[in-house]
C-alpha atoms as a PDB file:
ATOM      1  CA  MET A   1      76.434 -75.735 -35.996  1.00  0.00           C
ATOM      2  CA  ARG A   2      74.155 -78.164 -37.784  1.00  0.00           C
ATOM      3  CA  ASP A   3      70.951 -76.947 -36.104  1.00  0.00           C
ATOM      4  CA  MET A   4      68.714 -77.843 -39.035  1.00  0.00           C
ATOM      5  CA  PRO A   5      66.074 -79.235 -39.005  1.00  0.00           C
ATOM      6  CA  ARG A   6      64.833 -78.051 -35.610  1.00  0.00           C
ATOM      7  CA  ARG A   7      66.174 -74.486 -35.562  1.00  0.00           C
ATOM      8  CA  SER A   8      65.822 -73.734 -39.245  1.00  0.00           C
ATOM      9  CA  PRO A   9      63.429 -70.968 -40.265  1.00  0.00           C
ATOM     10  CA  PHE A  10      61.843 -73.668 -42.422  1.00  0.00           C
ATOM     11  CA  ALA A  11      61.321 -75.967 -39.433  1.00  0.00           C
ATOM     12  CA  PRO A  12      58.814 -74.354 -37.023  1.00  0.00           C
ATOM     13  CA  THR A  13      58.948 -75.183 -33.349  1.00  0.00           C
ATOM     14  CA  SER A  14      55.251 -75.953 -32.920  1.00  0.00           C
ATOM     15  CA  GLN A  15      52.487 -77.451 -34.981  1.00  0.00           C
ATOM     16  CA  GLY A  16      50.643 -74.171 -35.379  1.00  0.00           C
ATOM     17  CA  GLU A  17      53.650 -72.333 -36.818  1.00  0.00           C
ATOM     18  CA  ASP A  18      54.177 -74.291 -40.057  1.00  0.00           C
ATOM     19  CA  ASP A  19      53.155 -71.498 -42.405  1.00  0.00           C
ATOM     20  CA  THR A  20      54.851 -68.784 -40.332  1.00  0.00           C
ATOM     21  CA  GLY A  21      58.178 -70.624 -40.188  1.00  0.00           C
ATOM     22  CA  ASN A  22      58.142 -71.396 -43.894  1.00  0.00           C
ATOM     23  CA  ALA A  23      57.257 -67.795 -44.809  1.00  0.00           C
ATOM     24  CA  ARG A  24      60.020 -66.438 -42.567  1.00  0.00           C
ATOM     25  CA  GLY A  25      62.597 -68.741 -44.126  1.00  0.00           C
ATOM     26  CA  THR A  26      61.438 -67.947 -47.654  1.00  0.00           C
ATOM     27  CA  ALA A  27      61.679 -64.200 -46.986  1.00  0.00           C
ATOM     28  CA  LEU A  28      65.211 -64.679 -45.652  1.00  0.00           C
ATOM     29  CA  ILE A  29      66.272 -66.613 -48.761  1.00  0.00           C
ATOM     30  CA  ILE A  30      64.705 -64.081 -51.160  1.00  0.00           C
ATOM     31  CA  SER A  31      66.420 -61.155 -49.388  1.00  0.00           C
ATOM     32  CA  LEU A  32      69.782 -62.898 -49.638  1.00  0.00           C
ATOM     33  CA  LEU A  33      69.345 -63.802 -53.304  1.00  0.00           C
ATOM     34  CA  MET A  34      68.326 -60.332 -54.455  1.00  0.00           C
ATOM     35  CA  ILE A  35      71.431 -58.774 -52.885  1.00  0.00           C
ATOM     36  CA  ASP A  36      73.844 -61.667 -53.520  1.00  0.00           C
ATOM     37  CA  SER A  37      73.006 -61.649 -57.230  1.00  0.00           C
ATOM     38  CA  LEU A  38      74.476 -58.134 -57.529  1.00  0.00           C
ATOM     39  CA  HIS A  39      78.002 -59.246 -56.578  1.00  0.00           C
ATOM     40  CA  TYR A  40      79.477 -59.310 -60.098  1.00  0.00           C
ATOM     41  CA  VAL A  41      77.604 -56.150 -61.082  1.00  0.00           C
ATOM     42  CA  PHE A  42      79.304 -54.375 -58.162  1.00  0.00           C
ATOM     43  CA  ALA A  43      82.661 -55.869 -59.130  1.00  0.00           C
ATOM     44  CA  ARG A  44      82.329 -54.436 -62.643  1.00  0.00           C
ATOM     45  CA  LEU A  45      81.125 -51.114 -61.213  1.00  0.00           C
ATOM     46  CA  VAL A  46      84.364 -50.753 -59.227  1.00  0.00           C
ATOM     47  CA  PHE A  47      86.594 -51.788 -62.132  1.00  0.00           C
ATOM     48  CA  PRO A  48      86.925 -48.377 -63.925  1.00  0.00           C
ATOM     49  CA  TYR A  49      87.739 -46.490 -60.713  1.00  0.00           C
ATOM     50  CA  ILE A  50      90.502 -48.503 -59.046  1.00  0.00           C
ATOM     51  CA  GLU A  51      92.824 -51.421 -59.753  1.00  0.00           C
ATOM     52  CA  PRO A  52      90.827 -54.606 -58.988  1.00  0.00           C
ATOM     53  CA  ALA A  53      93.087 -56.143 -56.321  1.00  0.00           C
ATOM     54  CA  LEU A  54      93.382 -52.821 -54.512  1.00  0.00           C
ATOM     55  CA  GLY A  55      89.644 -52.214 -54.831  1.00  0.00           C
ATOM     56  CA  ALA A  56      88.938 -55.611 -53.240  1.00  0.00           C
ATOM     57  CA  PHE A  57      91.074 -54.639 -50.231  1.00  0.00           C
ATOM     58  CA  TYR A  58      89.379 -51.271 -49.696  1.00  0.00           C
ATOM     59  CA  ILE A  59      85.883 -52.777 -50.027  1.00  0.00           C
ATOM     60  CA  ILE A  60      86.664 -55.328 -47.308  1.00  0.00           C
ATOM     61  CA  ALA A  61      88.311 -52.576 -45.236  1.00  0.00           C
ATOM     62  CA  VAL A  62      85.148 -50.446 -45.439  1.00  0.00           C
ATOM     63  CA  ALA A  63      83.084 -53.394 -44.225  1.00  0.00           C
ATOM     64  CA  LEU A  64      85.600 -54.115 -41.443  1.00  0.00           C
ATOM     65  CA  VAL A  65      85.335 -50.560 -40.118  1.00  0.00           C
ATOM     66  CA  GLU A  66      81.527 -50.604 -40.219  1.00  0.00           C
ATOM     67  CA  VAL A  67      81.202 -53.961 -38.455  1.00  0.00           C
ATOM     68  CA  GLY A  68      83.919 -52.974 -35.965  1.00  0.00           C
ATOM     69  CA  LEU A  69      82.081 -49.767 -35.084  1.00  0.00           C
ATOM     70  CA  LEU A  70      78.867 -51.740 -34.586  1.00  0.00           C
ATOM     71  CA  GLY A  71      80.702 -54.137 -32.288  1.00  0.00           C
ATOM     72  CA  LEU A  72      82.214 -51.305 -30.249  1.00  0.00           C
ATOM     73  CA  ILE A  73      78.904 -49.473 -29.946  1.00  0.00           C
ATOM     74  CA  THR A  74      77.093 -52.602 -28.786  1.00  0.00           C
ATOM     75  CA  ARG A  75      80.098 -53.685 -26.662  1.00  0.00           C
ATOM     76  CA  ARG A  76      79.903 -57.201 -28.030  1.00  0.00           C
ATOM     77  CA  LEU A  77      83.369 -57.563 -29.576  1.00  0.00           C
ATOM     78  CA  ARG A  78      85.585 -60.025 -27.698  1.00  0.00           C
ATOM     79  CA  LEU A  79      89.114 -61.278 -28.325  1.00  0.00           C
ATOM     80  CA  GLU A  80      88.407 -64.749 -26.963  1.00  0.00           C
ATOM     81  CA  PRO A  81      86.943 -66.240 -30.212  1.00  0.00           C
ATOM     82  CA  LEU A  82      90.031 -65.231 -32.206  1.00  0.00           C
ATOM     83  CA  ARG A  83      92.416 -66.494 -29.515  1.00  0.00           C
ATOM     84  CA  ARG A  84      90.604 -69.832 -29.294  1.00  0.00           C
ATOM     85  CA  MET A  85      89.985 -70.464 -33.005  1.00  0.00           C
ATOM     86  CA  TRP A  86      92.703 -68.505 -34.806  1.00  0.00           C
ATOM     87  CA  PRO A  87      93.762 -71.373 -37.148  1.00  0.00           C
ATOM     88  CA  THR A  88      90.221 -71.656 -38.545  1.00  0.00           C
ATOM     89  CA  PHE A  89      89.901 -67.889 -38.838  1.00  0.00           C
ATOM     90  CA  LEU A  90      93.205 -67.821 -40.744  1.00  0.00           C
ATOM     91  CA  ALA A  91      91.995 -70.495 -43.144  1.00  0.00           C
ATOM     92  CA  ILE A  92      88.646 -68.758 -43.698  1.00  0.00           C
ATOM     93  CA  GLY A  93      90.298 -65.357 -44.146  1.00  0.00           C
ATOM     94  CA  MET A  94      92.733 -66.779 -46.707  1.00  0.00           C
ATOM     95  CA  CYS A  95      89.950 -68.494 -48.659  1.00  0.00           C
ATOM     96  CA  VAL A  96      87.785 -65.368 -48.818  1.00  0.00           C
ATOM     97  CA  ALA A  97      90.755 -63.137 -49.712  1.00  0.00           C
ATOM     98  CA  VAL A  98      91.824 -65.340 -52.625  1.00  0.00           C
ATOM     99  CA  SER A  99      88.234 -65.780 -53.828  1.00  0.00           C
ATOM    100  CA  THR A 100      87.490 -62.043 -53.640  1.00  0.00           C
ATOM    101  CA  ARG A 101      90.651 -61.092 -55.482  1.00  0.00           C
ATOM    102  CA  LEU A 102      89.964 -63.624 -58.240  1.00  0.00           C
ATOM    103  CA  ASN A 103      86.424 -62.302 -58.667  1.00  0.00           C
ATOM    104  CA  TYR A 104      87.511 -58.691 -59.033  1.00  0.00           C
ATOM    105  CA  GLU A 105      90.435 -59.403 -61.339  1.00  0.00           C
ATOM    106  CA  ALA A 106      88.253 -61.637 -63.524  1.00  0.00           C
ATOM    107  CA  MET A 107      86.139 -58.599 -64.458  1.00  0.00           C
ATOM    108  CA  ALA A 108      88.867 -57.645 -66.947  1.00  0.00           C
ATOM    109  CA  PHE A 109      88.155 -60.846 -68.901  1.00  0.00           C
ATOM    110  CA  ILE A 110      84.480 -61.719 -68.472  1.00  0.00           C
ATOM    111  CA  ASP A 111      81.047 -60.111 -68.534  1.00  0.00           C
ATOM    112  CA  PRO A 112      79.274 -59.858 -65.136  1.00  0.00           C
ATOM    113  CA  GLY A 113      76.238 -61.746 -66.415  1.00  0.00           C
ATOM    114  CA  VAL A 114      78.334 -64.646 -67.687  1.00  0.00           C
ATOM    115  CA  ALA A 115      80.368 -64.565 -64.456  1.00  0.00           C
ATOM    116  CA  ALA A 116      77.172 -64.860 -62.402  1.00  0.00           C
ATOM    117  CA  MET A 117      76.141 -67.962 -64.347  1.00  0.00           C
ATOM    118  CA  VAL A 118      79.551 -69.625 -64.119  1.00  0.00           C
ATOM    119  CA  GLY A 119      79.737 -68.643 -60.449  1.00  0.00           C
ATOM    120  CA  LYS A 120      76.659 -70.726 -59.677  1.00  0.00           C
ATOM    121  CA  MET A 121      78.884 -73.796 -59.956  1.00  0.00           C
ATOM    122  CA  THR A 122      79.403 -73.067 -56.266  1.00  0.00           C
ATOM    123  CA  VAL A 123      76.066 -74.827 -55.750  1.00  0.00           C
ATOM    124  CA  LEU A 124      77.579 -78.117 -56.889  1.00  0.00           C
ATOM    125  CA  PHE A 125      80.747 -77.569 -54.832  1.00  0.00           C
ATOM    126  CA  SER A 126      78.692 -76.737 -51.727  1.00  0.00           C
ATOM    127  CA  LEU A 127      76.499 -79.776 -52.250  1.00  0.00           C
ATOM    128  CA  GLY A 128      79.616 -81.936 -52.384  1.00  0.00           C
ATOM    129  CA  PHE A 129      81.090 -80.463 -49.195  1.00  0.00           C
ATOM    130  CA  GLY A 130      77.772 -80.723 -47.372  1.00  0.00           C
ATOM    131  CA  LEU A 131      77.019 -84.317 -48.324  1.00  0.00           C
ATOM    132  CA  LEU A 132      80.525 -85.834 -48.396  1.00  0.00           C
ATOM    133  CA  TRP A 133      82.426 -83.852 -45.733  1.00  0.00           C
ATOM    134  CA  LEU A 134      79.794 -82.602 -43.304  1.00  0.00           C
ATOM    135  CA  GLY A 135      77.837 -85.840 -43.398  1.00  0.00           C
ATOM    136  CA  GLU A 136      74.508 -84.203 -44.214  1.00  0.00           C
ATOM    137  CA  ARG A 137      71.656 -86.247 -45.671  1.00  0.00           C
ATOM    138  CA  PHE A 138      68.742 -85.297 -47.879  1.00  0.00           C
ATOM    139  CA  THR A 139      65.266 -86.625 -47.362  1.00  0.00           C
ATOM    140  CA  LEU A 140      63.527 -88.039 -50.438  1.00  0.00           C
ATOM    141  CA  VAL A 141      61.552 -84.829 -51.004  1.00  0.00           C
ATOM    142  CA  GLN A 142      64.674 -82.671 -50.652  1.00  0.00           C
ATOM    143  CA  GLY A 143      66.541 -84.980 -53.026  1.00  0.00           C
ATOM    144  CA  VAL A 144      63.844 -84.557 -55.670  1.00  0.00           C
ATOM    145  CA  GLY A 145      63.853 -80.775 -55.215  1.00  0.00           C
ATOM    146  CA  SER A 146      67.642 -80.568 -55.418  1.00  0.00           C
ATOM    147  CA  ALA A 147      67.686 -82.644 -58.620  1.00  0.00           C
ATOM    148  CA  ILE A 148      65.156 -80.269 -60.215  1.00  0.00           C
ATOM    149  CA  ALA A 149      67.231 -77.234 -59.140  1.00  0.00           C
ATOM    150  CA  VAL A 150      70.507 -78.684 -60.454  1.00  0.00           C
ATOM    151  CA  VAL A 151      68.870 -79.428 -63.817  1.00  0.00           C
ATOM    152  CA  GLY A 152      67.597 -75.853 -63.936  1.00  0.00           C
ATOM    153  CA  LEU A 153      71.054 -74.570 -63.042  1.00  0.00           C
ATOM    154  CA  ALA A 154      72.544 -76.530 -65.930  1.00  0.00           C
ATOM    155  CA  VAL A 155      69.936 -75.162 -68.334  1.00  0.00           C
ATOM    156  CA  ILE A 156      70.426 -71.528 -67.324  1.00  0.00           C
ATOM    157  CA  SER A 157      74.232 -71.660 -67.000  1.00  0.00           C
ATOM    158  CA  PHE A 158      75.581 -73.826 -69.786  1.00  0.00           C
ATOM    159  CA  GLN A 159      74.760 -71.823 -72.877  1.00  0.00           C
ATOM    160  CA  PRO A 160      76.734 -71.404 -76.121  1.00  0.00           C
ATOM    161  CA  GLY A 161      79.774 -69.233 -75.527  1.00  0.00           C
ATOM    162  CA  ASP A 162      83.388 -69.221 -74.456  1.00  0.00           C
ATOM    163  CA  TYR A 163      83.290 -70.635 -70.933  1.00  0.00           C
ATOM    164  CA  LEU A 164      86.871 -71.879 -71.029  1.00  0.00           C
ATOM    165  CA  GLY A 165      88.492 -68.453 -71.126  1.00  0.00           C
ATOM    166  CA  LEU A 166      90.745 -67.061 -68.413  1.00  0.00           C
ATOM    167  CA  GLY A 167      87.955 -65.066 -66.769  1.00  0.00           C
ATOM    168  CA  ALA A 168      85.666 -68.084 -66.533  1.00  0.00           C
ATOM    169  CA  MET A 169      88.428 -70.262 -65.083  1.00  0.00           C
ATOM    170  CA  MET A 170      89.182 -67.589 -62.476  1.00  0.00           C
ATOM    171  CA  ILE A 171      85.498 -67.461 -61.480  1.00  0.00           C
ATOM    172  CA  LEU A 172      85.326 -71.256 -61.341  1.00  0.00           C
ATOM    173  CA  LEU A 173      88.363 -71.467 -59.048  1.00  0.00           C
ATOM    174  CA  SER A 174      86.964 -68.634 -56.928  1.00  0.00           C
ATOM    175  CA  THR A 175      83.650 -70.428 -56.426  1.00  0.00           C
ATOM    176  CA  PHE A 176      85.388 -73.628 -55.302  1.00  0.00           C
ATOM    177  CA  ILE A 177      87.465 -71.724 -52.736  1.00  0.00           C
ATOM    178  CA  TYR A 178      84.414 -69.822 -51.479  1.00  0.00           C
ATOM    179  CA  ALA A 179      82.456 -73.057 -51.086  1.00  0.00           C
ATOM    180  CA  LEU A 180      85.400 -74.420 -49.058  1.00  0.00           C
ATOM    181  CA  HIS A 181      85.235 -71.369 -46.776  1.00  0.00           C
ATOM    182  CA  ALA A 182      81.487 -71.948 -46.298  1.00  0.00           C
ATOM    183  CA  ALA A 183      82.114 -75.578 -45.335  1.00  0.00           C
ATOM    184  CA  LEU A 184      84.807 -74.544 -42.834  1.00  0.00           C
ATOM    185  CA  THR A 185      82.417 -71.973 -41.379  1.00  0.00           C
ATOM    186  CA  LYS A 186      79.552 -74.439 -41.113  1.00  0.00           C
ATOM    187  CA  ARG A 187      81.741 -77.125 -39.552  1.00  0.00           C
ATOM    188  CA  ASN A 188      83.695 -75.087 -37.005  1.00  0.00           C
ATOM    189  CA  MET A 189      82.053 -71.736 -36.248  1.00  0.00           C
ATOM    190  CA  GLY A 190      78.705 -72.703 -34.752  1.00  0.00           C
ATOM    191  CA  GLU A 191      79.666 -71.623 -31.234  1.00  0.00           C
ATOM    192  CA  VAL A 192      80.941 -68.155 -32.230  1.00  0.00           C
ATOM    193  CA  ASP A 193      78.297 -65.428 -32.256  1.00  0.00           C
ATOM    194  CA  LEU A 194      77.675 -63.903 -35.674  1.00  0.00           C
ATOM    195  CA  LEU A 195      79.063 -60.424 -34.944  1.00  0.00           C
ATOM    196  CA  ASN A 196      82.409 -61.662 -33.614  1.00  0.00           C
ATOM    197  CA  PHE A 197      82.731 -64.248 -36.365  1.00  0.00           C
ATOM    198  CA  PHE A 198      82.000 -61.670 -39.073  1.00  0.00           C
ATOM    199  CA  PHE A 199      84.399 -59.098 -37.628  1.00  0.00           C
ATOM    200  CA  TYR A 200      87.362 -61.481 -37.391  1.00  0.00           C
ATOM    201  CA  ARG A 201      86.556 -62.997 -40.777  1.00  0.00           C
ATOM    202  CA  LEU A 202      86.722 -59.479 -42.277  1.00  0.00           C
ATOM    203  CA  LEU A 203      89.866 -58.641 -40.291  1.00  0.00           C
ATOM    204  CA  LEU A 204      91.776 -61.680 -41.559  1.00  0.00           C
ATOM    205  CA  THR A 205      90.476 -61.245 -45.107  1.00  0.00           C
ATOM    206  CA  ALA A 206      91.599 -57.599 -45.160  1.00  0.00           C
ATOM    207  CA  ALA A 207      94.983 -58.605 -43.731  1.00  0.00           C
ATOM    208  CA  PHE A 208      95.587 -61.186 -46.458  1.00  0.00           C
ATOM    209  CA  LEU A 209      94.443 -58.795 -49.208  1.00  0.00           C
ATOM    210  CA  ALA A 210      96.796 -56.136 -47.828  1.00  0.00           C
ATOM    211  CA  LEU A 211      99.681 -58.622 -47.864  1.00  0.00           C
ATOM    212  CA  PHE A 212      98.900 -59.603 -51.467  1.00  0.00           C
ATOM    213  CA  ASN A 213      98.987 -55.946 -52.542  1.00  0.00           C
ATOM    214  CA  LEU A 214     102.127 -55.136 -50.557  1.00  0.00           C
ATOM    215  CA  ALA A 215     103.907 -58.137 -52.077  1.00  0.00           C
ATOM    216  CA  ARG A 216     103.230 -56.685 -55.531  1.00  0.00           C
ATOM    217  CA  GLY A 217     104.122 -53.131 -54.482  1.00  0.00           C
ATOM    218  CA  ASN A 218     100.554 -52.206 -55.346  1.00  0.00           C
ATOM    219  CA  PHE A 219      99.299 -49.877 -52.638  1.00  0.00           C
ATOM    220  CA  ALA A 220      97.756 -46.415 -53.000  1.00  0.00           C
ATOM    221  CA  LEU A 221      94.885 -44.406 -51.575  1.00  0.00           C
ATOM    222  CA  PRO A 222      91.624 -44.483 -53.552  1.00  0.00           C
ATOM    223  CA  SER A 223      90.703 -41.423 -55.556  1.00  0.00           C
ATOM    224  CA  ALA A 224      87.913 -39.069 -54.547  1.00  0.00           C
ATOM    225  CA  GLN A 225      85.781 -40.555 -57.338  1.00  0.00           C
ATOM    226  CA  ALA A 226      86.411 -44.122 -56.203  1.00  0.00           C
ATOM    227  CA  PHE A 227      85.675 -43.601 -52.513  1.00  0.00           C
ATOM    228  CA  PRO A 228      81.828 -43.305 -52.729  1.00  0.00           C
ATOM    229  CA  ILE A 229      81.734 -46.414 -54.937  1.00  0.00           C
ATOM    230  CA  LEU A 230      83.895 -48.357 -52.488  1.00  0.00           C
ATOM    231  CA  LEU A 231      81.701 -47.202 -49.590  1.00  0.00           C
ATOM    232  CA  LEU A 232      78.531 -48.316 -51.396  1.00  0.00           C
ATOM    233  CA  VAL A 233      79.922 -51.710 -52.402  1.00  0.00           C
ATOM    234  CA  GLY A 234      81.494 -52.373 -49.006  1.00  0.00           C
ATOM    235  CA  THR A 235      78.218 -51.626 -47.240  1.00  0.00           C
ATOM    236  CA  VAL A 236      75.783 -53.444 -49.532  1.00  0.00           C
ATOM    237  CA  ASP A 237      77.851 -56.202 -51.128  1.00  0.00           C
ATOM    238  CA  VAL A 238      79.801 -57.134 -47.985  1.00  0.00           C
ATOM    239  CA  VAL A 239      78.122 -55.985 -44.753  1.00  0.00           C
ATOM    240  CA  VAL A 240      74.476 -56.480 -45.731  1.00  0.00           C
ATOM    241  CA  SER A 241      74.958 -59.329 -48.205  1.00  0.00           C
ATOM    242  CA  ARG A 242      77.383 -61.390 -46.109  1.00  0.00           C
ATOM    243  CA  PHE A 243      75.401 -60.863 -42.909  1.00  0.00           C
ATOM    244  CA  LEU A 244      72.378 -62.387 -44.637  1.00  0.00           C
ATOM    245  CA  TYR A 245      74.635 -65.108 -46.107  1.00  0.00           C
ATOM    246  CA  TYR A 246      76.072 -66.244 -42.763  1.00  0.00           C
ATOM    247  CA  TRP A 247      72.765 -65.903 -40.953  1.00  0.00           C
ATOM    248  CA  THR A 248      71.110 -68.144 -43.538  1.00  0.00           C
ATOM    249  CA  LEU A 249      74.065 -70.568 -43.507  1.00  0.00           C
ATOM    250  CA  ARG A 250      73.608 -70.974 -39.742  1.00  0.00           C
ATOM    251  CA  LYS A 251      69.925 -71.743 -40.176  1.00  0.00           C
ATOM    252  CA  LEU A 252      70.157 -74.346 -42.952  1.00  0.00           C
ATOM    253  CA  ASP A 253      72.132 -77.496 -43.669  1.00  0.00           C
ATOM    254  CA  MET A 254      74.869 -76.551 -46.128  1.00  0.00           C
ATOM    255  CA  SER A 255      73.455 -78.816 -48.828  1.00  0.00           C
ATOM    256  CA  VAL A 256      69.989 -77.197 -48.509  1.00  0.00           C
ATOM    257  CA  PHE A 257      71.659 -73.771 -48.387  1.00  0.00           C
ATOM    258  CA  ALA A 258      73.492 -74.543 -51.632  1.00  0.00           C
ATOM    259  CA  ILE A 259      70.263 -75.464 -53.403  1.00  0.00           C
ATOM    260  CA  ALA A 260      68.597 -72.274 -52.171  1.00  0.00           C
ATOM    261  CA  LEU A 261      71.489 -70.241 -53.622  1.00  0.00           C
ATOM    262  CA  ALA A 262      70.860 -71.926 -56.960  1.00  0.00           C
ATOM    263  CA  ALA A 263      68.058 -69.400 -57.438  1.00  0.00           C
ATOM    264  CA  SER A 264      70.634 -66.598 -57.660  1.00  0.00           C
ATOM    265  CA  PRO A 265      70.771 -66.679 -61.492  1.00  0.00           C
ATOM    266  CA  VAL A 266      67.023 -66.040 -61.476  1.00  0.00           C
ATOM    267  CA  ALA A 267      67.581 -62.949 -59.323  1.00  0.00           C
ATOM    268  CA  ALA A 268      70.429 -61.917 -61.656  1.00  0.00           C
ATOM    269  CA  VAL A 269      67.998 -62.095 -64.586  1.00  0.00           C
ATOM    270  CA  LEU A 270      65.588 -59.807 -62.718  1.00  0.00           C
ATOM    271  CA  TRP A 271      68.356 -57.307 -61.969  1.00  0.00           C
ATOM    272  CA  SER A 272      69.464 -57.397 -65.629  1.00  0.00           C
ATOM    273  CA  GLN A 273      65.931 -56.599 -66.740  1.00  0.00           C
ATOM    274  CA  LEU A 274      65.657 -53.769 -64.201  1.00  0.00           C
ATOM    275  CA  LEU A 275      69.109 -52.202 -64.665  1.00  0.00           C
ATOM    276  CA  PHE A 276      70.030 -52.996 -68.278  1.00  0.00           C
ATOM    277  CA  ASP A 277      66.657 -53.707 -69.928  1.00  0.00           C
ATOM    278  CA  VAL A 278      67.888 -57.144 -71.053  1.00  0.00           C
ATOM    279  CA  PHE A 279      65.096 -59.702 -71.313  1.00  0.00           C
ATOM    280  CA  PRO A 280      66.010 -63.344 -70.640  1.00  0.00           C
ATOM    281  CA  THR A 281      66.096 -65.876 -73.451  1.00  0.00           C
ATOM    282  CA  PRO A 282      63.583 -68.758 -73.466  1.00  0.00           C
ATOM    283  CA  GLN A 283      66.387 -71.040 -72.232  1.00  0.00           C
ATOM    284  CA  GLN A 284      67.051 -68.748 -69.275  1.00  0.00           C
ATOM    285  CA  LEU A 285      63.342 -68.585 -68.461  1.00  0.00           C
ATOM    286  CA  LEU A 286      63.026 -72.386 -68.580  1.00  0.00           C
ATOM    287  CA  GLY A 287      66.100 -72.875 -66.363  1.00  0.00           C
ATOM    288  CA  GLY A 288      64.926 -70.206 -63.943  1.00  0.00           C
ATOM    289  CA  LEU A 289      61.519 -71.825 -63.605  1.00  0.00           C
ATOM    290  CA  ALA A 290      63.133 -75.211 -62.871  1.00  0.00           C
ATOM    291  CA  ILE A 291      65.416 -73.629 -60.257  1.00  0.00           C
ATOM    292  CA  LEU A 292      62.517 -71.885 -58.522  1.00  0.00           C
ATOM    293  CA  CYS A 293      60.497 -75.109 -58.469  1.00  0.00           C
ATOM    294  CA  GLY A 294      63.439 -77.053 -57.025  1.00  0.00           C
ATOM    295  CA  VAL A 295      64.147 -74.436 -54.376  1.00  0.00           C
ATOM    296  CA  ALA A 296      60.463 -74.353 -53.419  1.00  0.00           C
ATOM    297  CA  VAL A 297      60.436 -78.135 -52.973  1.00  0.00           C
ATOM    298  CA  VAL A 298      63.639 -78.198 -50.880  1.00  0.00           C
ATOM    299  CA  THR A 299      62.690 -75.331 -48.585  1.00  0.00           C
ATOM    300  CA  SER A 300      59.138 -76.623 -48.139  1.00  0.00           C
ATOM    301  CA  ALA A 301      60.229 -80.229 -47.531  1.00  0.00           C
ATOM    302  CA  PRO A 302      60.019 -80.140 -43.688  1.00  0.00           C
ATOM    303  CA  VAL A 303      56.425 -78.881 -43.807  1.00  0.00           C
ATOM    304  CA  ILE A 304      55.436 -81.270 -46.615  1.00  0.00           C
ATOM    305  CA  GLU A 305      56.929 -84.287 -44.866  1.00  0.00           C
ATOM    306  CA  ARG A 306      55.411 -83.337 -41.494  1.00  0.00           C
ATOM    307  CA  ARG A 307      51.957 -83.130 -43.055  1.00  0.00           C
ATOM    308  CA  LEU A 308      52.466 -86.454 -44.840  1.00  0.00           C
ATOM    309  CA  ARG A 309      53.451 -88.093 -41.547  1.00  0.00           C
ATOM    310  CA  ARG A 310      50.348 -86.698 -39.852  1.00  0.00           C
ATOM    311  CA  ARG A 311      48.107 -88.062 -42.587  1.00  0.00           C
ATOM    312  CA  THR A 312      49.839 -91.448 -42.354  1.00  0.00           C
ATOM    313  CA  ASN A 313      49.379 -91.492 -38.590  1.00  0.00           C
ATOM    314  CA  ILE A 314      45.703 -90.569 -38.930  1.00  0.00           C
ATOM    315  CA  VAL A 315      45.160 -93.370 -41.449  1.00  0.00           C
ATOM    316  CA  ASP A 316      47.007 -95.881 -39.249  1.00  0.00           C
ATOM    317  CA  ALA A 317      45.012 -94.828 -36.205  1.00  0.00           C
ATOM    318  CA  ALA A 318      41.671 -95.155 -37.954  1.00  0.00           C
ATOM    319  CA  PRO A 319      39.665 -98.269 -36.920  1.00  0.00           C
END
C-alpha cells in the first residue's frame, strides 16, 4: 500500500504536472482537516441526546447502512475481501470500536476544544508507527518540515490546564489505538478497494460496539430527538470524514500523513471562531502558524526536491 512517492497527489506523474499534483493534494488535505476537526464537536453535540456508548454504536450503524446501500447500488460489494483478510478486519474493527467509545464517553469529563488538542498526540503515535514499524523514511526536507510541525503542535497543545484528568487520559489512549488501526490499515489493506474496506471496517466496528453495549445491558432505540443528530453525525463525521481519511492515507506515507493531520488544531481554531466566536490566544496563533509552515514544507517536499535536482543536473551539465 506504500504507493508514495509515485502515486501520491503530491507526486505528479509528469514534469508538467508539478503544480497541478501539489494543488490537488493540498485540496485533499484541507478538505479532510476541516471535517476531521469537527469530530469532538460532534461528540459533544450527541452527548445530551443519548448515552455516549449507545450513541457511538448508532452513529457507526448509520454510516454502515449508507455505505452498504452505496455498495449495493453500485454492485461493488464482495465477500471475498472479508473472507481472505478477516483477522485484520477484526483487529481494525476492535481498535476503532474501542477508540470511538472512549472518545464519546470522554465528553463527560473534558471540553471538546481541549480534547481536540490532546487528541493531536496521534500525530506523534502515527509518526512512530510509520517510521519504526512500516519502515518509512523522511527526506531531509520532509524531516525539517515535520520538526517544525511537531514544535507547532507542542506550542498549540500543551497549555496551562488539567491535562492529566480522566477525560484527557481517555482521549490519549483513544488516539494511540486509532493510530494503531491506521498503521494496520496502511500495512495490510492496500489491495482491498476503498468501498469494500470501508464497509467491512464499519461492519466489524458496529459489531464490537453492539457487543460492548449488550455486555452492559445498555441497549435501547434512540429517541425521536436524537435520530436526526445521529443521522447528521453518522453521515458527516463518519462517511464523509473517514472516506477522505482513508483516501488520503492511501495516497501518502503514514509518517507524511501524520504530519499533515497536525494541522487539525488549526482547523479546530477556525471552527471555534466560526461556531462559538472564540478567538485564539497568541500562543495558539503561533503554534498554528508553525504547524501550517511544517505541513507546507512536508507536502511540497517532492516538488521542491525535484526542482533542486534539476538545477543540480543543469549546473553539472554546464561546460
